[in-house]
Amino acid sequence: MGGAVGRFNIAGTGSKWLGLAALSLMWGSPQFAAAHHSLAGEFDTGKTLVLNGVVSRVDWANPHIYLYLDVIEAGGKSATWQLECVPVAMARKAGVSKKMLTAEGAHVTVHAFPARDGTAHLGYMAKITYADGHDFQFAPDSAAAAAK
């Protein structure tokens, strides 16, 4: 069970005007302004890292889901990567639940964009693939193509 999670169509899910009003209120909110950022502004979408490891934790909270991945690096040292993902509402709309994503203790392969500022062990999770082959894609097709 897998699928693209990076494409969402909010058309037809309610009143267009109500949605615009809600967005206007959110954009005026200091919490929204502080939480919202550009994917390409914070992460280098031109570079893709392939990480193999074990899911140790998932924070299923807004403004973004975070997955923590324990990776054995060169030299045998363990490191925990903090991988940002889409907001909870986007994941839910695409049919992805915390239980589906969590799989704590599961061995996975993650394609991630590294932090633009060079922060170690921080990235954006473009795609996650589980041992049985199912995957979830969290970046647009153009970025995911770079992750292959």
N, C-alpha and C. Protein backbone atom coordinates (compact mmCIF):
# COMPACT_ATOMS: atom_id res chain seq x y z
N MET A 1 0.86 -1.16 0.00
CA MET A 1 0.00 0.00 0.00
C MET A 1 0.91 1.23 0.00
N GLY A 2 0.84 2.01 -0.97
CA GLY A 2 1.67 3.20 -1.04
C GLY A 2 1.02 4.18 -1.96
N GLY A 3 1.64 5.31 -2.11
CA GLY A 3 1.08 6.26 -3.03
C GLY A 3 1.71 7.60 -2.87
N ALA A 4 1.36 8.43 -3.82
CA ALA A 4 1.90 9.78 -3.81
C ALA A 4 1.18 10.59 -2.75
N VAL A 5 1.92 11.26 -1.94
CA VAL A 5 1.35 12.07 -0.89
C VAL A 5 1.64 13.54 -1.18
N GLY A 6 2.42 13.82 -2.17
CA GLY A 6 2.83 15.19 -2.45
C GLY A 6 1.84 15.98 -3.26
N ARG A 7 0.79 15.35 -3.81
CA ARG A 7 -0.18 16.06 -4.64
C ARG A 7 -1.53 16.07 -3.96
N PHE A 8 -2.09 17.26 -3.78
CA PHE A 8 -3.37 17.38 -3.10
C PHE A 8 -4.27 18.32 -3.88
N ASN A 9 -5.53 17.99 -3.94
CA ASN A 9 -6.50 18.82 -4.63
C ASN A 9 -7.54 19.25 -3.60
N ILE A 10 -7.49 20.49 -3.21
CA ILE A 10 -8.45 20.96 -2.21
C ILE A 10 -9.71 21.51 -2.85
N ALA A 11 -9.77 21.55 -4.18
CA ALA A 11 -10.96 22.05 -4.87
C ALA A 11 -12.13 21.13 -4.56
N GLY A 12 -13.25 21.75 -4.30
CA GLY A 12 -14.46 20.98 -4.08
C GLY A 12 -14.61 20.46 -2.66
N THR A 13 -13.73 20.83 -1.76
CA THR A 13 -13.84 20.31 -0.40
C THR A 13 -14.58 21.27 0.52
N GLY A 14 -15.15 22.30 -0.02
CA GLY A 14 -15.89 23.25 0.79
C GLY A 14 -16.00 24.56 0.05
N SER A 15 -16.50 25.53 0.71
CA SER A 15 -16.67 26.84 0.10
C SER A 15 -15.32 27.48 -0.21
N LYS A 16 -15.17 27.89 -1.47
CA LYS A 16 -13.92 28.55 -1.87
C LYS A 16 -13.73 29.82 -1.05
N TRP A 17 -14.77 30.55 -0.81
CA TRP A 17 -14.66 31.81 -0.07
C TRP A 17 -14.33 31.58 1.39
N LEU A 18 -14.90 30.53 1.96
CA LEU A 18 -14.58 30.21 3.35
C LEU A 18 -13.10 29.84 3.48
N GLY A 19 -12.61 29.07 2.52
CA GLY A 19 -11.20 28.70 2.52
C GLY A 19 -10.30 29.91 2.39
N LEU A 20 -10.64 30.84 1.52
CA LEU A 20 -9.84 32.05 1.35
C LEU A 20 -9.85 32.89 2.62
N ALA A 21 -11.02 32.96 3.27
CA ALA A 21 -11.10 33.73 4.52
C ALA A 21 -10.23 33.09 5.60
N ALA A 22 -10.27 31.75 5.68
CA ALA A 22 -9.46 31.06 6.68
C ALA A 22 -7.97 31.28 6.42
N LEU A 23 -7.57 31.19 5.14
CA LEU A 23 -6.17 31.43 4.81
C LEU A 23 -5.75 32.85 5.17
N SER A 24 -6.62 33.80 4.90
CA SER A 24 -6.30 35.19 5.24
C SER A 24 -6.07 35.36 6.73
N LEU A 25 -6.92 34.73 7.53
CA LEU A 25 -6.76 34.82 8.98
C LEU A 25 -5.47 34.14 9.43
N MET A 26 -5.16 32.98 8.83
CA MET A 26 -3.94 32.26 9.22
C MET A 26 -2.70 33.06 8.85
N TRP A 27 -2.68 33.65 7.66
CA TRP A 27 -1.51 34.41 7.24
C TRP A 27 -1.25 35.60 8.15
N GLY A 28 -2.30 36.11 8.76
CA GLY A 28 -2.15 37.22 9.68
C GLY A 28 -1.71 36.79 11.06
N SER A 29 -1.72 35.50 11.31
CA SER A 29 -1.39 34.97 12.62
C SER A 29 0.13 34.87 12.80
N PRO A 30 0.66 35.38 13.91
CA PRO A 30 2.10 35.27 14.15
C PRO A 30 2.58 33.83 14.23
N GLN A 31 1.74 32.92 14.78
CA GLN A 31 2.14 31.53 14.87
C GLN A 31 2.31 30.93 13.48
N PHE A 32 1.39 31.26 12.55
CA PHE A 32 1.47 30.72 11.21
C PHE A 32 2.69 31.28 10.50
N ALA A 33 2.94 32.55 10.65
CA ALA A 33 4.08 33.18 9.99
C ALA A 33 5.39 32.58 10.47
N ALA A 34 5.48 32.28 11.75
CA ALA A 34 6.71 31.71 12.29
C ALA A 34 6.87 30.25 11.87
N ALA A 35 5.75 29.55 11.71
CA ALA A 35 5.83 28.12 11.41
C ALA A 35 5.99 27.85 9.92
N HIS A 36 5.46 28.73 9.08
CA HIS A 36 5.46 28.46 7.65
C HIS A 36 6.79 28.87 7.02
N HIS A 37 7.31 27.99 6.19
CA HIS A 37 8.56 28.28 5.50
C HIS A 37 8.55 27.57 4.16
N SER A 38 9.44 27.97 3.29
CA SER A 38 9.56 27.37 1.98
C SER A 38 10.42 26.12 2.06
N LEU A 39 9.97 25.05 1.41
CA LEU A 39 10.75 23.82 1.38
C LEU A 39 12.14 24.09 0.81
N ALA A 40 12.20 24.76 -0.34
CA ALA A 40 13.48 25.04 -0.99
C ALA A 40 14.29 26.09 -0.23
N GLY A 41 13.63 26.87 0.61
CA GLY A 41 14.34 27.87 1.41
C GLY A 41 15.10 27.25 2.57
N GLU A 42 14.54 26.18 3.13
CA GLU A 42 15.16 25.54 4.29
C GLU A 42 15.97 24.28 3.93
N PHE A 43 15.57 23.61 2.84
CA PHE A 43 16.23 22.37 2.45
C PHE A 43 16.74 22.47 1.02
N ASP A 44 17.86 21.81 0.75
CA ASP A 44 18.47 21.86 -0.58
C ASP A 44 17.83 20.78 -1.45
N THR A 45 16.80 21.16 -2.22
CA THR A 45 16.07 20.20 -3.04
C THR A 45 16.86 19.77 -4.27
N GLY A 46 18.02 20.36 -4.47
CA GLY A 46 18.89 19.95 -5.56
C GLY A 46 19.81 18.80 -5.17
N LYS A 47 19.85 18.47 -3.90
CA LYS A 47 20.68 17.37 -3.40
C LYS A 47 19.77 16.36 -2.71
N THR A 48 20.05 15.10 -2.94
CA THR A 48 19.26 14.04 -2.31
C THR A 48 20.18 13.08 -1.58
N LEU A 49 19.84 12.82 -0.34
CA LEU A 49 20.57 11.83 0.46
C LEU A 49 19.73 10.56 0.52
N VAL A 50 20.38 9.42 0.50
CA VAL A 50 19.68 8.15 0.70
C VAL A 50 20.14 7.61 2.05
N LEU A 51 19.18 7.49 2.96
CA LEU A 51 19.46 7.06 4.33
C LEU A 51 18.79 5.71 4.58
N ASN A 52 19.52 4.78 5.14
CA ASN A 52 18.97 3.48 5.53
C ASN A 52 19.04 3.41 7.04
N GLY A 53 17.92 3.06 7.67
CA GLY A 53 17.94 3.00 9.12
C GLY A 53 16.66 2.45 9.69
N VAL A 54 16.48 2.72 10.98
CA VAL A 54 15.34 2.22 11.74
C VAL A 54 14.54 3.41 12.26
N VAL A 55 13.23 3.37 12.06
CA VAL A 55 12.35 4.42 12.57
C VAL A 55 12.32 4.31 14.09
N SER A 56 12.75 5.40 14.76
CA SER A 56 12.75 5.36 16.22
C SER A 56 11.60 6.15 16.84
N ARG A 57 11.03 7.11 16.08
CA ARG A 57 9.95 7.94 16.62
C ARG A 57 9.30 8.73 15.50
N VAL A 58 8.01 9.01 15.66
CA VAL A 58 7.31 9.91 14.75
C VAL A 58 6.55 10.91 15.60
N ASP A 59 6.79 12.20 15.35
CA ASP A 59 6.01 13.26 16.00
C ASP A 59 4.91 13.67 15.02
N TRP A 60 3.69 13.28 15.31
CA TRP A 60 2.53 13.52 14.45
C TRP A 60 1.85 14.79 14.96
N ALA A 61 2.40 15.94 14.63
CA ALA A 61 1.89 17.21 15.14
C ALA A 61 2.13 18.31 14.12
N ASN A 62 1.31 19.34 14.18
CA ASN A 62 1.51 20.48 13.30
C ASN A 62 2.57 21.40 13.87
N PRO A 63 3.30 22.18 13.10
CA PRO A 63 3.00 22.45 11.69
C PRO A 63 3.50 21.38 10.73
N HIS A 64 4.40 20.48 11.12
CA HIS A 64 4.88 19.42 10.24
C HIS A 64 5.12 18.15 11.03
N ILE A 65 4.93 17.01 10.37
CA ILE A 65 5.25 15.72 10.93
C ILE A 65 6.78 15.58 10.92
N TYR A 66 7.34 15.00 11.97
CA TYR A 66 8.78 14.70 12.01
C TYR A 66 8.96 13.21 12.25
N LEU A 67 9.84 12.60 11.45
CA LEU A 67 10.21 11.21 11.62
C LEU A 67 11.66 11.18 12.06
N TYR A 68 11.97 10.37 13.05
CA TYR A 68 13.34 10.24 13.55
C TYR A 68 13.86 8.88 13.10
N LEU A 69 15.00 8.92 12.43
CA LEU A 69 15.58 7.72 11.82
C LEU A 69 16.97 7.48 12.39
N ASP A 70 17.17 6.31 13.01
CA ASP A 70 18.48 5.93 13.54
C ASP A 70 19.27 5.28 12.40
N VAL A 71 20.41 5.89 12.08
CA VAL A 71 21.24 5.49 10.94
C VAL A 71 22.63 5.14 11.45
N ILE A 72 23.21 4.08 10.91
CA ILE A 72 24.62 3.76 11.20
C ILE A 72 25.44 4.42 10.10
N GLU A 73 26.29 5.36 10.51
CA GLU A 73 27.09 6.11 9.55
C GLU A 73 28.42 5.41 9.31
N ALA A 74 29.19 5.94 8.37
CA ALA A 74 30.52 5.41 8.09
C ALA A 74 31.31 5.40 9.40
N GLY A 75 32.04 4.35 9.63
CA GLY A 75 32.80 4.23 10.87
C GLY A 75 32.01 3.53 11.96
N GLY A 76 30.73 3.18 11.68
CA GLY A 76 29.93 2.44 12.64
C GLY A 76 29.24 3.25 13.71
N LYS A 77 29.36 4.58 13.66
CA LYS A 77 28.73 5.43 14.67
C LYS A 77 27.25 5.64 14.33
N SER A 78 26.40 5.56 15.37
CA SER A 78 24.96 5.76 15.20
C SER A 78 24.61 7.24 15.27
N ALA A 79 23.69 7.66 14.42
CA ALA A 79 23.20 9.04 14.43
C ALA A 79 21.69 9.02 14.21
N THR A 80 20.99 9.92 14.84
CA THR A 80 19.55 10.04 14.64
C THR A 80 19.27 11.24 13.75
N TRP A 81 18.63 10.98 12.62
CA TRP A 81 18.23 12.03 11.69
C TRP A 81 16.82 12.51 12.04
N GLN A 82 16.63 13.82 12.03
CA GLN A 82 15.32 14.43 12.22
C GLN A 82 14.84 14.83 10.83
N LEU A 83 13.77 14.18 10.37
CA LEU A 83 13.29 14.38 9.02
C LEU A 83 11.91 15.02 9.02
N GLU A 84 11.85 16.23 8.51
CA GLU A 84 10.58 16.94 8.42
C GLU A 84 9.76 16.35 7.29
N CYS A 85 8.44 16.49 7.42
CA CYS A 85 7.53 15.96 6.42
C CYS A 85 6.38 16.94 6.23
N VAL A 86 5.35 16.52 5.53
CA VAL A 86 4.19 17.37 5.27
C VAL A 86 3.41 17.62 6.57
N PRO A 87 2.51 18.60 6.56
CA PRO A 87 1.63 18.81 7.72
C PRO A 87 0.68 17.62 7.91
N VAL A 88 0.20 17.45 9.12
CA VAL A 88 -0.70 16.36 9.47
C VAL A 88 -1.93 16.35 8.55
N ALA A 89 -2.53 17.50 8.33
CA ALA A 89 -3.75 17.57 7.51
C ALA A 89 -3.50 17.06 6.09
N MET A 90 -2.36 17.37 5.52
CA MET A 90 -2.04 16.89 4.16
C MET A 90 -1.88 15.38 4.15
N ALA A 91 -1.21 14.84 5.15
CA ALA A 91 -1.04 13.39 5.23
C ALA A 91 -2.40 12.71 5.36
N ARG A 92 -3.24 13.23 6.25
CA ARG A 92 -4.58 12.65 6.44
C ARG A 92 -5.40 12.70 5.16
N LYS A 93 -5.35 13.84 4.48
CA LYS A 93 -6.13 14.00 3.24
C LYS A 93 -5.68 12.98 2.20
N ALA A 94 -4.39 12.63 2.20
CA ALA A 94 -3.86 11.65 1.26
C ALA A 94 -4.09 10.21 1.74
N GLY A 95 -4.71 10.05 2.92
CA GLY A 95 -5.01 8.73 3.43
C GLY A 95 -3.89 8.10 4.24
N VAL A 96 -2.91 8.89 4.65
CA VAL A 96 -1.80 8.37 5.44
C VAL A 96 -2.08 8.65 6.92
N SER A 97 -2.02 7.62 7.74
CA SER A 97 -2.23 7.79 9.18
C SER A 97 -0.90 7.67 9.91
N LYS A 98 -0.90 8.08 11.16
CA LYS A 98 0.31 7.95 11.97
C LYS A 98 0.72 6.48 12.07
N LYS A 99 -0.26 5.60 12.24
CA LYS A 99 0.04 4.17 12.36
C LYS A 99 0.73 3.66 11.09
N MET A 100 0.27 4.11 9.92
CA MET A 100 0.87 3.68 8.66
C MET A 100 2.30 4.16 8.53
N LEU A 101 2.56 5.38 8.97
CA LEU A 101 3.87 5.98 8.82
C LEU A 101 4.84 5.53 9.90
N THR A 102 4.32 5.34 11.09
CA THR A 102 5.16 5.09 12.25
C THR A 102 6.06 3.88 12.10
N ALA A 103 5.50 2.71 12.05
CA ALA A 103 6.28 1.48 11.90
C ALA A 103 7.57 1.53 12.71
N GLU A 104 7.47 1.97 13.97
CA GLU A 104 8.66 2.09 14.81
C GLU A 104 9.39 0.76 14.88
N GLY A 105 10.67 0.82 14.71
CA GLY A 105 11.49 -0.37 14.69
C GLY A 105 11.65 -0.95 13.29
N ALA A 106 10.94 -0.38 12.30
CA ALA A 106 11.02 -0.89 10.94
C ALA A 106 12.27 -0.37 10.25
N HIS A 107 12.88 -1.24 9.46
CA HIS A 107 14.01 -0.83 8.63
C HIS A 107 13.45 -0.19 7.38
N VAL A 108 13.93 1.01 7.07
CA VAL A 108 13.41 1.77 5.93
C VAL A 108 14.56 2.42 5.16
N THR A 109 14.23 2.83 3.94
CA THR A 109 15.13 3.65 3.14
C THR A 109 14.42 4.98 2.92
N VAL A 110 15.11 6.07 3.22
CA VAL A 110 14.54 7.40 3.06
C VAL A 110 15.37 8.20 2.08
N HIS A 111 14.69 8.85 1.14
CA HIS A 111 15.32 9.85 0.27
C HIS A 111 15.00 11.19 0.91
N ALA A 112 16.03 11.97 1.20
CA ALA A 112 15.83 13.22 1.94
C ALA A 112 16.65 14.35 1.33
N PHE A 113 16.13 15.55 1.48
CA PHE A 113 16.86 16.76 1.08
C PHE A 113 17.55 17.30 2.33
N PRO A 114 18.85 17.54 2.28
CA PRO A 114 19.57 18.02 3.47
C PRO A 114 19.22 19.47 3.80
N ALA A 115 19.46 19.85 5.04
CA ALA A 115 19.24 21.24 5.47
C ALA A 115 20.16 22.16 4.66
N ARG A 116 19.60 23.23 4.16
CA ARG A 116 20.36 24.17 3.34
C ARG A 116 21.48 24.83 4.13
N ASP A 117 21.27 25.03 5.45
CA ASP A 117 22.28 25.72 6.26
C ASP A 117 23.37 24.77 6.77
N GLY A 118 23.29 23.50 6.38
CA GLY A 118 24.32 22.55 6.78
C GLY A 118 24.10 21.89 8.13
N THR A 119 22.96 22.15 8.77
CA THR A 119 22.68 21.52 10.07
C THR A 119 22.78 20.00 9.92
N ALA A 120 23.61 19.40 10.74
CA ALA A 120 23.83 17.95 10.67
C ALA A 120 22.57 17.19 11.07
N HIS A 121 22.31 16.11 10.36
CA HIS A 121 21.24 15.17 10.70
C HIS A 121 19.85 15.80 10.65
N LEU A 122 19.67 16.79 9.79
CA LEU A 122 18.36 17.42 9.58
C LEU A 122 18.06 17.40 8.10
N GLY A 123 16.85 16.95 7.74
CA GLY A 123 16.48 16.91 6.34
C GLY A 123 14.97 16.90 6.16
N TYR A 124 14.57 16.94 4.90
CA TYR A 124 13.15 16.85 4.53
C TYR A 124 12.95 15.50 3.86
N MET A 125 12.02 14.72 4.35
CA MET A 125 11.77 13.39 3.83
C MET A 125 10.95 13.47 2.54
N ALA A 126 11.60 13.19 1.40
CA ALA A 126 10.93 13.20 0.11
C ALA A 126 10.18 11.90 -0.13
N LYS A 127 10.76 10.78 0.33
CA LYS A 127 10.17 9.47 0.10
C LYS A 127 10.67 8.51 1.17
N ILE A 128 9.78 7.62 1.61
CA ILE A 128 10.16 6.57 2.55
C ILE A 128 9.70 5.24 1.96
N THR A 129 10.60 4.26 1.96
CA THR A 129 10.30 2.94 1.43
C THR A 129 10.55 1.90 2.52
N TYR A 130 9.56 1.04 2.74
CA TYR A 130 9.64 0.01 3.77
C TYR A 130 10.19 -1.28 3.19
N ALA A 131 10.61 -2.19 4.04
CA ALA A 131 11.26 -3.44 3.62
C ALA A 131 10.38 -4.26 2.68
N ASP A 132 9.05 -4.18 2.84
CA ASP A 132 8.15 -4.96 1.96
C ASP A 132 7.92 -4.29 0.61
N GLY A 133 8.55 -3.11 0.41
CA GLY A 133 8.46 -2.42 -0.88
C GLY A 133 7.44 -1.30 -0.94
N HIS A 134 6.50 -1.22 0.00
CA HIS A 134 5.54 -0.11 -0.07
C HIS A 134 6.24 1.18 0.32
N ASP A 135 5.74 2.29 -0.22
CA ASP A 135 6.39 3.57 0.04
C ASP A 135 5.37 4.70 0.11
N PHE A 136 5.84 5.83 0.62
CA PHE A 136 5.07 7.07 0.62
C PHE A 136 5.97 8.15 0.06
N GLN A 137 5.42 8.93 -0.84
CA GLN A 137 6.17 10.01 -1.47
C GLN A 137 5.62 11.33 -0.95
N PHE A 138 6.51 12.20 -0.44
CA PHE A 138 6.09 13.45 0.17
C PHE A 138 6.59 14.69 -0.56
N ALA A 139 7.22 14.52 -1.71
CA ALA A 139 7.72 15.65 -2.48
C ALA A 139 7.14 15.58 -3.88
N PRO A 140 7.10 16.70 -4.58
CA PRO A 140 6.59 16.69 -5.96
C PRO A 140 7.37 15.73 -6.83
N ASP A 141 6.76 15.32 -7.94
CA ASP A 141 7.41 14.35 -8.83
C ASP A 141 8.80 14.77 -9.25
N SER A 142 9.00 16.06 -9.55
CA SER A 142 10.31 16.51 -10.01
C SER A 142 11.37 16.30 -8.92
N ALA A 143 11.02 16.56 -7.69
CA ALA A 143 11.98 16.36 -6.59
C ALA A 143 12.14 14.87 -6.31
N ALA A 144 11.06 14.11 -6.42
CA ALA A 144 11.14 12.68 -6.14
C ALA A 144 11.97 11.98 -7.22
N ALA A 145 11.92 12.47 -8.45
CA ALA A 145 12.71 11.88 -9.52
C ALA A 145 14.19 12.00 -9.20
N ALA A 146 14.57 13.11 -8.57
CA ALA A 146 15.95 13.31 -8.17
C ALA A 146 16.32 12.35 -7.04
N ALA A 147 15.31 11.86 -6.32
CA ALA A 147 15.56 10.98 -5.18
C ALA A 147 15.72 9.52 -5.61
N LYS A 148 15.54 9.23 -6.89
CA LYS A 148 15.67 7.83 -7.34
C LYS A 148 17.07 7.50 -7.72
